[in-house]
Amino acid sequence: MGIIAFLILGLLAGAIAKALLPGDDPGGIIVTMIIGVVGAILGGFLAGLIFDVDPVDEFFSLSTWLAAIVGSILLLLIYRAVTGNKRTNA
């Protein structure tokens, strides 16, 4: 899969992860896009370790999309745990 397709996959996976886990996250759309791309990489890496497969073979493969979405969800949960709710009402 090409770099452009991988970036598009990551951006869409980040949007899907955000839709599945709605909430008020600091950072906005830029952070969501970064989480999606890094989450797609993380998901592909974890799927390769756990299932001994290469899920990043094709753009339209179900395993590619599932790995990217699950990786994005995991990264979004980690991001929320690290940042927490640090907002104060002034």
PDB file of N, CA and C in Angstrom:
ATOM      1  N   MET A   1       0.860  -1.169   0.000  1.00  0.00           N
ATOM      2  CA  MET A   1       0.000   0.000   0.000  1.00  0.00           C
ATOM      3  C   MET A   1       0.904   1.229   0.000  1.00  0.00           C
ATOM      4  N   GLY A   2       0.534   2.218  -0.782  1.00  0.00           N
ATOM      5  CA  GLY A   2       1.338   3.420  -0.892  1.00  0.00           C
ATOM      6  C   GLY A   2       1.198   4.337   0.317  1.00  0.00           C
ATOM      7  N   ILE A   3       2.111   5.271   0.402  1.00  0.00           N
ATOM      8  CA  ILE A   3       2.128   6.216   1.523  1.00  0.00           C
ATOM      9  C   ILE A   3       0.857   7.052   1.559  1.00  0.00           C
ATOM     10  N   ILE A   4       0.401   7.530   0.430  1.00  0.00           N
ATOM     11  CA  ILE A   4      -0.801   8.361   0.383  1.00  0.00           C
ATOM     12  C   ILE A   4      -2.015   7.560   0.847  1.00  0.00           C
ATOM     13  N   ALA A   5      -2.136   6.322   0.375  1.00  0.00           N
ATOM     14  CA  ALA A   5      -3.254   5.477   0.790  1.00  0.00           C
ATOM     15  C   ALA A   5      -3.178   5.194   2.286  1.00  0.00           C
ATOM     16  N   PHE A   6      -1.965   4.989   2.800  1.00  0.00           N
ATOM     17  CA  PHE A   6      -1.803   4.728   4.225  1.00  0.00           C
ATOM     18  C   PHE A   6      -2.198   5.947   5.058  1.00  0.00           C
ATOM     19  N   LEU A   7      -1.842   7.149   4.601  1.00  0.00           N
ATOM     20  CA  LEU A   7      -2.237   8.368   5.304  1.00  0.00           C
ATOM     21  C   LEU A   7      -3.749   8.555   5.280  1.00  0.00           C
ATOM     22  N   ILE A   8      -4.360   8.295   4.136  1.00  0.00           N
ATOM     23  CA  ILE A   8      -5.822   8.397   4.041  1.00  0.00           C
ATOM     24  C   ILE A   8      -6.483   7.383   4.964  1.00  0.00           C
ATOM     25  N   LEU A   9      -5.957   6.157   4.980  1.00  0.00           N
ATOM     26  CA  LEU A   9      -6.477   5.127   5.887  1.00  0.00           C
ATOM     27  C   LEU A   9      -6.375   5.589   7.332  1.00  0.00           C
ATOM     28  N   GLY A  10      -5.241   6.136   7.717  1.00  0.00           N
ATOM     29  CA  GLY A  10      -5.054   6.615   9.089  1.00  0.00           C
ATOM     30  C   GLY A  10      -5.989   7.757   9.447  1.00  0.00           C
ATOM     31  N   LEU A  11      -6.181   8.680   8.522  1.00  0.00           N
ATOM     32  CA  LEU A  11      -7.085   9.806   8.777  1.00  0.00           C
ATOM     33  C   LEU A  11      -8.517   9.329   8.959  1.00  0.00           C
ATOM     34  N   LEU A  12      -8.940   8.410   8.115  1.00  0.00           N
ATOM     35  CA  LEU A  12     -10.297   7.870   8.232  1.00  0.00           C
ATOM     36  C   LEU A  12     -10.446   7.014   9.484  1.00  0.00           C
ATOM     37  N   ALA A  13      -9.414   6.242   9.818  1.00  0.00           N
ATOM     38  CA  ALA A  13      -9.461   5.423  11.034  1.00  0.00           C
ATOM     39  C   ALA A  13      -9.551   6.308  12.270  1.00  0.00           C
ATOM     40  N   GLY A  14      -8.838   7.429  12.274  1.00  0.00           N
ATOM     41  CA  GLY A  14      -8.923   8.375  13.388  1.00  0.00           C
ATOM     42  C   GLY A  14     -10.307   8.977  13.523  1.00  0.00           C
ATOM     43  N   ALA A  15     -10.921   9.305  12.396  1.00  0.00           N
ATOM     44  CA  ALA A  15     -12.278   9.853  12.426  1.00  0.00           C
ATOM     45  C   ALA A  15     -13.277   8.814  12.924  1.00  0.00           C
ATOM     46  N   ILE A  16     -13.109   7.567  12.501  1.00  0.00           N
ATOM     47  CA  ILE A  16     -14.001   6.494  12.952  1.00  0.00           C
ATOM     48  C   ILE A  16     -13.809   6.237  14.449  1.00  0.00           C
ATOM     49  N   ALA A  17     -12.558   6.228  14.903  1.00  0.00           N
ATOM     50  CA  ALA A  17     -12.282   6.024  16.333  1.00  0.00           C
ATOM     51  C   ALA A  17     -12.910   7.143  17.152  1.00  0.00           C
ATOM     52  N   LYS A  18     -12.813   8.377  16.676  1.00  0.00           N
ATOM     53  CA  LYS A  18     -13.409   9.518  17.379  1.00  0.00           C
ATOM     54  C   LYS A  18     -14.933   9.406  17.395  1.00  0.00           C
ATOM     55  N   ALA A  19     -15.509   8.904  16.313  1.00  0.00           N
ATOM     56  CA  ALA A  19     -16.960   8.727  16.255  1.00  0.00           C
ATOM     57  C   ALA A  19     -17.426   7.633  17.218  1.00  0.00           C
ATOM     58  N   LEU A  20     -16.615   6.577  17.346  1.00  0.00           N
ATOM     59  CA  LEU A  20     -16.967   5.485  18.255  1.00  0.00           C
ATOM     60  C   LEU A  20     -16.753   5.849  19.719  1.00  0.00           C
ATOM     61  N   LEU A  21     -15.826   6.760  19.985  1.00  0.00           N
ATOM     62  CA  LEU A  21     -15.526   7.210  21.349  1.00  0.00           C
ATOM     63  C   LEU A  21     -15.673   8.723  21.425  1.00  0.00           C
ATOM     64  N   PRO A  22     -16.909   9.217  21.360  1.00  0.00           N
ATOM     65  CA  PRO A  22     -17.074  10.666  21.371  1.00  0.00           C
ATOM     66  C   PRO A  22     -16.683  11.242  22.720  1.00  0.00           C
ATOM     67  N   GLY A  23     -16.300  12.480  22.697  1.00  0.00           N
ATOM     68  CA  GLY A  23     -15.926  13.170  23.921  1.00  0.00           C
ATOM     69  C   GLY A  23     -15.192  14.445  23.571  1.00  0.00           C
ATOM     70  N   ASP A  24     -14.965  15.243  24.576  1.00  0.00           N
ATOM     71  CA  ASP A  24     -14.303  16.523  24.392  1.00  0.00           C
ATOM     72  C   ASP A  24     -12.810  16.333  24.639  1.00  0.00           C
ATOM     73  N   ASP A  25     -12.066  16.103  23.561  1.00  0.00           N
ATOM     74  CA  ASP A  25     -10.628  15.900  23.670  1.00  0.00           C
ATOM     75  C   ASP A  25      -9.903  17.200  23.355  1.00  0.00           C
ATOM     76  N   PRO A  26      -8.852  17.491  24.103  1.00  0.00           N
ATOM     77  CA  PRO A  26      -8.055  18.665  23.752  1.00  0.00           C
ATOM     78  C   PRO A  26      -7.268  18.398  22.473  1.00  0.00           C
ATOM     79  N   GLY A  27      -7.100  19.396  21.670  1.00  0.00           N
ATOM     80  CA  GLY A  27      -6.302  19.238  20.461  1.00  0.00           C
ATOM     81  C   GLY A  27      -7.089  19.357  19.177  1.00  0.00           C
ATOM     82  N   GLY A  28      -8.337  19.005  19.180  1.00  0.00           N
ATOM     83  CA  GLY A  28      -9.168  19.167  18.001  1.00  0.00           C
ATOM     84  C   GLY A  28      -8.864  18.199  16.878  1.00  0.00           C
ATOM     85  N   ILE A  29      -9.141  18.637  15.664  1.00  0.00           N
ATOM     86  CA  ILE A  29      -9.076  17.780  14.488  1.00  0.00           C
ATOM     87  C   ILE A  29      -7.645  17.393  14.136  1.00  0.00           C
ATOM     88  N   ILE A  30      -6.690  18.269  14.388  1.00  0.00           N
ATOM     89  CA  ILE A  30      -5.297  17.963  14.075  1.00  0.00           C
ATOM     90  C   ILE A  30      -4.802  16.785  14.899  1.00  0.00           C
ATOM     91  N   VAL A  31      -5.090  16.810  16.197  1.00  0.00           N
ATOM     92  CA  VAL A  31      -4.676  15.715  17.078  1.00  0.00           C
ATOM     93  C   VAL A  31      -5.405  14.425  16.688  1.00  0.00           C
ATOM     94  N   THR A  32      -6.668  14.532  16.313  1.00  0.00           N
ATOM     95  CA  THR A  32      -7.422  13.356  15.886  1.00  0.00           C
ATOM     96  C   THR A  32      -6.796  12.734  14.639  1.00  0.00           C
ATOM     97  N   MET A  33      -6.360  13.563  13.705  1.00  0.00           N
ATOM     98  CA  MET A  33      -5.720  13.048  12.496  1.00  0.00           C
ATOM     99  C   MET A  33      -4.388  12.378  12.828  1.00  0.00           C
ATOM    100  N   ILE A  34      -3.611  12.989  13.697  1.00  0.00           N
ATOM    101  CA  ILE A  34      -2.325  12.399  14.089  1.00  0.00           C
ATOM    102  C   ILE A  34      -2.554  11.072  14.808  1.00  0.00           C
ATOM    103  N   ILE A  35      -3.534  11.049  15.705  1.00  0.00           N
ATOM    104  CA  ILE A  35      -3.869   9.811  16.412  1.00  0.00           C
ATOM    105  C   ILE A  35      -4.292   8.729  15.418  1.00  0.00           C
ATOM    106  N   GLY A  36      -5.031   9.099  14.399  1.00  0.00           N
ATOM    107  CA  GLY A  36      -5.461   8.128  13.391  1.00  0.00           C
ATOM    108  C   GLY A  36      -4.298   7.524  12.625  1.00  0.00           C
ATOM    109  N   VAL A  37      -3.366   8.354  12.191  1.00  0.00           N
ATOM    110  CA  VAL A  37      -2.227   7.854  11.417  1.00  0.00           C
ATOM    111  C   VAL A  37      -1.322   6.994  12.297  1.00  0.00           C
ATOM    112  N   VAL A  38      -0.995   7.480  13.492  1.00  0.00           N
ATOM    113  CA  VAL A  38      -0.142   6.710  14.401  1.00  0.00           C
ATOM    114  C   VAL A  38      -0.880   5.456  14.879  1.00  0.00           C
ATOM    115  N   GLY A  39      -2.183   5.568  15.089  1.00  0.00           N
ATOM    116  CA  GLY A  39      -2.981   4.409  15.488  1.00  0.00           C
ATOM    117  C   GLY A  39      -3.028   3.335  14.420  1.00  0.00           C
ATOM    118  N   ALA A  40      -3.053   3.744  13.156  1.00  0.00           N
ATOM    119  CA  ALA A  40      -3.021   2.773  12.064  1.00  0.00           C
ATOM    120  C   ALA A  40      -1.689   2.027  12.054  1.00  0.00           C
ATOM    121  N   ILE A  41      -0.605   2.751  12.311  1.00  0.00           N
ATOM    122  CA  ILE A  41       0.706   2.106  12.404  1.00  0.00           C
ATOM    123  C   ILE A  41       0.736   1.148  13.589  1.00  0.00           C
ATOM    124  N   LEU A  42       0.241   1.614  14.746  1.00  0.00           N
ATOM    125  CA  LEU A  42       0.201   0.783  15.949  1.00  0.00           C
ATOM    126  C   LEU A  42      -0.663  -0.457  15.734  1.00  0.00           C
ATOM    127  N   GLY A  43      -1.820  -0.285  15.135  1.00  0.00           N
ATOM    128  CA  GLY A  43      -2.712  -1.413  14.880  1.00  0.00           C
ATOM    129  C   GLY A  43      -2.087  -2.442  13.953  1.00  0.00           C
ATOM    130  N   GLY A  44      -1.417  -1.985  12.918  1.00  0.00           N
ATOM    131  CA  GLY A  44      -0.741  -2.905  12.012  1.00  0.00           C
ATOM    132  C   GLY A  44       0.386  -3.648  12.697  1.00  0.00           C
ATOM    133  N   PHE A  45       1.123  -2.945  13.540  1.00  0.00           N
ATOM    134  CA  PHE A  45       2.216  -3.576  14.286  1.00  0.00           C
ATOM    135  C   PHE A  45       1.690  -4.624  15.258  1.00  0.00           C
ATOM    136  N   LEU A  46       0.645  -4.271  16.019  1.00  0.00           N
ATOM    137  CA  LEU A  46       0.077  -5.216  16.986  1.00  0.00           C
ATOM    138  C   LEU A  46      -0.548  -6.426  16.293  1.00  0.00           C
ATOM    139  N   ALA A  47      -1.234  -6.203  15.184  1.00  0.00           N
ATOM    140  CA  ALA A  47      -1.832  -7.330  14.450  1.00  0.00           C
ATOM    141  C   ALA A  47      -0.748  -8.257  13.917  1.00  0.00           C
ATOM    142  N   GLY A  48       0.361  -7.682  13.492  1.00  0.00           N
ATOM    143  CA  GLY A  48       1.467  -8.501  13.027  1.00  0.00           C
ATOM    144  C   GLY A  48       2.068  -9.337  14.145  1.00  0.00           C
ATOM    145  N   LEU A  49       2.174  -8.750  15.341  1.00  0.00           N
ATOM    146  CA  LEU A  49       2.720  -9.491  16.480  1.00  0.00           C
ATOM    147  C   LEU A  49       1.773 -10.570  16.988  1.00  0.00           C
ATOM    148  N   ILE A  50       0.514 -10.215  17.128  1.00  0.00           N
ATOM    149  CA  ILE A  50      -0.453 -11.133  17.737  1.00  0.00           C
ATOM    150  C   ILE A  50      -0.867 -12.245  16.787  1.00  0.00           C
ATOM    151  N   PHE A  51      -1.188 -11.889  15.540  1.00  0.00           N
ATOM    152  CA  PHE A  51      -1.746 -12.863  14.599  1.00  0.00           C
ATOM    153  C   PHE A  51      -0.749 -13.352  13.558  1.00  0.00           C
ATOM    154  N   ASP A  52       0.475 -12.825  13.580  1.00  0.00           N
ATOM    155  CA  ASP A  52       1.520 -13.213  12.640  1.00  0.00           C
ATOM    156  C   ASP A  52       1.062 -13.048  11.191  1.00  0.00           C
ATOM    157  N   VAL A  53       0.442 -11.894  10.924  1.00  0.00           N
ATOM    158  CA  VAL A  53      -0.003 -11.562   9.569  1.00  0.00           C
ATOM    159  C   VAL A  53       0.443 -10.142   9.245  1.00  0.00           C
ATOM    160  N   ASP A  54       0.336  -9.774   7.997  1.00  0.00           N
ATOM    161  CA  ASP A  54       0.619  -8.408   7.576  1.00  0.00           C
ATOM    162  C   ASP A  54      -0.690  -7.763   7.143  1.00  0.00           C
ATOM    163  N   PRO A  55      -1.352  -7.031   8.067  1.00  0.00           N
ATOM    164  CA  PRO A  55      -2.667  -6.483   7.741  1.00  0.00           C
ATOM    165  C   PRO A  55      -2.619  -5.260   6.833  1.00  0.00           C
ATOM    166  N   VAL A  56      -1.447  -4.776   6.488  1.00  0.00           N
ATOM    167  CA  VAL A  56      -1.351  -3.576   5.673  1.00  0.00           C
ATOM    168  C   VAL A  56      -1.005  -3.957   4.230  1.00  0.00           C
ATOM    169  N   ASP A  57      -1.670  -4.989   3.736  1.00  0.00           N
ATOM    170  CA  ASP A  57      -1.429  -5.438   2.371  1.00  0.00           C
ATOM    171  C   ASP A  57      -2.199  -4.612   1.354  1.00  0.00           C
ATOM    172  N   GLU A  58      -3.474  -4.427   1.595  1.00  0.00           N
ATOM    173  CA  GLU A  58      -4.324  -3.751   0.626  1.00  0.00           C
ATOM    174  C   GLU A  58      -5.187  -2.709   1.329  1.00  0.00           C
ATOM    175  N   PHE A  59      -5.517  -1.664   0.593  1.00  0.00           N
ATOM    176  CA  PHE A  59      -6.321  -0.577   1.147  1.00  0.00           C
ATOM    177  C   PHE A  59      -7.748  -1.027   1.440  1.00  0.00           C
ATOM    178  N   PHE A  60      -8.313  -1.881   0.602  1.00  0.00           N
ATOM    179  CA  PHE A  60      -9.709  -2.279   0.760  1.00  0.00           C
ATOM    180  C   PHE A  60      -9.880  -3.597   1.512  1.00  0.00           C
ATOM    181  N   SER A  61      -8.852  -4.044   2.195  1.00  0.00           N
ATOM    182  CA  SER A  61      -8.926  -5.271   2.968  1.00  0.00           C
ATOM    183  C   SER A  61      -9.564  -4.990   4.334  1.00  0.00           C
ATOM    184  N   LEU A  62     -10.469  -5.856   4.751  1.00  0.00           N
ATOM    185  CA  LEU A  62     -11.145  -5.689   6.036  1.00  0.00           C
ATOM    186  C   LEU A  62     -10.149  -5.739   7.192  1.00  0.00           C
ATOM    187  N   SER A  63      -9.161  -6.616   7.110  1.00  0.00           N
ATOM    188  CA  SER A  63      -8.180  -6.718   8.202  1.00  0.00           C
ATOM    189  C   SER A  63      -7.356  -5.443   8.324  1.00  0.00           C
ATOM    190  N   THR A  64      -7.064  -4.784   7.216  1.00  0.00           N
ATOM    191  CA  THR A  64      -6.331  -3.522   7.259  1.00  0.00           C
ATOM    192  C   THR A  64      -7.135  -2.467   7.994  1.00  0.00           C
ATOM    193  N   TRP A  65      -8.407  -2.352   7.663  1.00  0.00           N
ATOM    194  CA  TRP A  65      -9.258  -1.356   8.291  1.00  0.00           C
ATOM    195  C   TRP A  65      -9.479  -1.651   9.775  1.00  0.00           C
ATOM    196  N   LEU A  66      -9.712  -2.924  10.107  1.00  0.00           N
ATOM    197  CA  LEU A  66      -9.912  -3.281  11.516  1.00  0.00           C
ATOM    198  C   LEU A  66      -8.666  -3.003  12.342  1.00  0.00           C
ATOM    199  N   ALA A  67      -7.511  -3.332  11.816  1.00  0.00           N
ATOM    200  CA  ALA A  67      -6.263  -3.077  12.539  1.00  0.00           C
ATOM    201  C   ALA A  67      -6.061  -1.580  12.746  1.00  0.00           C
ATOM    202  N   ALA A  68      -6.328  -0.788  11.728  1.00  0.00           N
ATOM    203  CA  ALA A  68      -6.151   0.665  11.837  1.00  0.00           C
ATOM    204  C   ALA A  68      -7.144   1.272  12.820  1.00  0.00           C
ATOM    205  N   ILE A  69      -8.385   0.846  12.788  1.00  0.00           N
ATOM    206  CA  ILE A  69      -9.404   1.397  13.687  1.00  0.00           C
ATOM    207  C   ILE A  69      -9.130   0.992  15.131  1.00  0.00           C
ATOM    208  N   VAL A  70      -8.801  -0.279  15.353  1.00  0.00           N
ATOM    209  CA  VAL A  70      -8.501  -0.732  16.723  1.00  0.00           C
ATOM    210  C   VAL A  70      -7.263  -0.024  17.256  1.00  0.00           C
ATOM    211  N   GLY A  71      -6.253   0.131  16.422  1.00  0.00           N
ATOM    212  CA  GLY A  71      -5.057   0.868  16.848  1.00  0.00           C
ATOM    213  C   GLY A  71      -5.374   2.314  17.184  1.00  0.00           C
ATOM    214  N   SER A  72      -6.232   2.945  16.404  1.00  0.00           N
ATOM    215  CA  SER A  72      -6.621   4.327  16.673  1.00  0.00           C
ATOM    216  C   SER A  72      -7.429   4.446  17.956  1.00  0.00           C
ATOM    217  N   ILE A  73      -8.309   3.485  18.199  1.00  0.00           N
ATOM    218  CA  ILE A  73      -9.095   3.489  19.437  1.00  0.00           C
ATOM    219  C   ILE A  73      -8.171   3.333  20.644  1.00  0.00           C
ATOM    220  N   LEU A  74      -7.232   2.396  20.559  1.00  0.00           N
ATOM    221  CA  LEU A  74      -6.282   2.199  21.658  1.00  0.00           C
ATOM    222  C   LEU A  74      -5.473   3.468  21.915  1.00  0.00           C
ATOM    223  N   LEU A  75      -4.987   4.079  20.863  1.00  0.00           N
ATOM    224  CA  LEU A  75      -4.198   5.289  21.023  1.00  0.00           C
ATOM    225  C   LEU A  75      -5.042   6.441  21.558  1.00  0.00           C
ATOM    226  N   LEU A  76      -6.287   6.542  21.143  1.00  0.00           N
ATOM    227  CA  LEU A  76      -7.177   7.578  21.659  1.00  0.00           C
ATOM    228  C   LEU A  76      -7.440   7.380  23.144  1.00  0.00           C
ATOM    229  N   LEU A  77      -7.631   6.140  23.570  1.00  0.00           N
ATOM    230  CA  LEU A  77      -7.826   5.856  24.996  1.00  0.00           C
ATOM    231  C   LEU A  77      -6.574   6.189  25.810  1.00  0.00           C
ATOM    232  N   ILE A  78      -5.411   5.854  25.259  1.00  0.00           N
ATOM    233  CA  ILE A  78      -4.154   6.191  25.940  1.00  0.00           C
ATOM    234  C   ILE A  78      -3.993   7.705  26.020  1.00  0.00           C
ATOM    235  N   TYR A  79      -4.301   8.398  24.945  1.00  0.00           N
ATOM    236  CA  TYR A  79      -4.204   9.862  24.911  1.00  0.00           C
ATOM    237  C   TYR A  79      -5.121  10.493  25.959  1.00  0.00           C
ATOM    238  N   ARG A  80      -6.336   9.983  26.060  1.00  0.00           N
ATOM    239  CA  ARG A  80      -7.269  10.513  27.061  1.00  0.00           C
ATOM    240  C   ARG A  80      -6.792  10.233  28.478  1.00  0.00           C
ATOM    241  N   ALA A  81      -6.206   9.052  28.708  1.00  0.00           N
ATOM    242  CA  ALA A  81      -5.708   8.715  30.044  1.00  0.00           C
ATOM    243  C   ALA A  81      -4.523   9.605  30.421  1.00  0.00           C
ATOM    244  N   VAL A  82      -3.681   9.919  29.470  1.00  0.00           N
ATOM    245  CA  VAL A  82      -2.501  10.727  29.767  1.00  0.00           C
ATOM    246  C   VAL A  82      -2.869  12.195  29.974  1.00  0.00           C
ATOM    247  N   THR A  83      -3.722  12.726  29.096  1.00  0.00           N
ATOM    248  CA  THR A  83      -4.066  14.139  29.208  1.00  0.00           C
ATOM    249  C   THR A  83      -5.086  14.400  30.295  1.00  0.00           C
ATOM    250  N   GLY A  84      -6.007  13.470  30.499  1.00  0.00           N
ATOM    251  CA  GLY A  84      -7.035  13.641  31.531  1.00  0.00           C
ATOM    252  C   GLY A  84      -7.880  14.874  31.281  1.00  0.00           C
ATOM    253  N   ASN A  85      -8.545  15.309  32.307  1.00  0.00           N
ATOM    254  CA  ASN A  85      -9.370  16.520  32.230  1.00  0.00           C
ATOM    255  C   ASN A  85      -8.679  17.603  33.018  1.00  0.00           C
ATOM    256  N   LYS A  86      -7.741  18.292  32.384  1.00  0.00           N
ATOM    257  CA  LYS A  86      -6.927  19.304  33.051  1.00  0.00           C
ATOM    258  C   LYS A  86      -7.492  20.715  32.884  1.00  0.00           C
ATOM    259  N   ARG A  87      -8.696  20.810  32.426  1.00  0.00           N
ATOM    260  CA  ARG A  87      -9.292  22.131  32.203  1.00  0.00           C
ATOM    261  C   ARG A  87      -9.842  22.687  33.510  1.00  0.00           C
ATOM    262  N   THR A  88      -9.687  23.961  33.700  1.00  0.00           N
ATOM    263  CA  THR A  88     -10.243  24.637  34.876  1.00  0.00           C
ATOM    264  C   THR A  88     -11.164  25.750  34.408  1.00  0.00           C
ATOM    265  N   ASN A  89     -12.207  25.958  35.148  1.00  0.00           N
ATOM    266  CA  ASN A  89     -13.133  27.053  34.829  1.00  0.00           C
ATOM    267  C   ASN A  89     -12.667  28.304  35.559  1.00  0.00           C
ATOM    268  N   ALA A  90     -12.325  29.313  34.810  1.00  0.00           N
ATOM    269  CA  ALA A  90     -11.826  30.555  35.421  1.00  0.00           C
ATOM    270  C   ALA A  90     -12.880  31.634  35.384  1.00  0.00           C
TER     271      ALA A  90
END
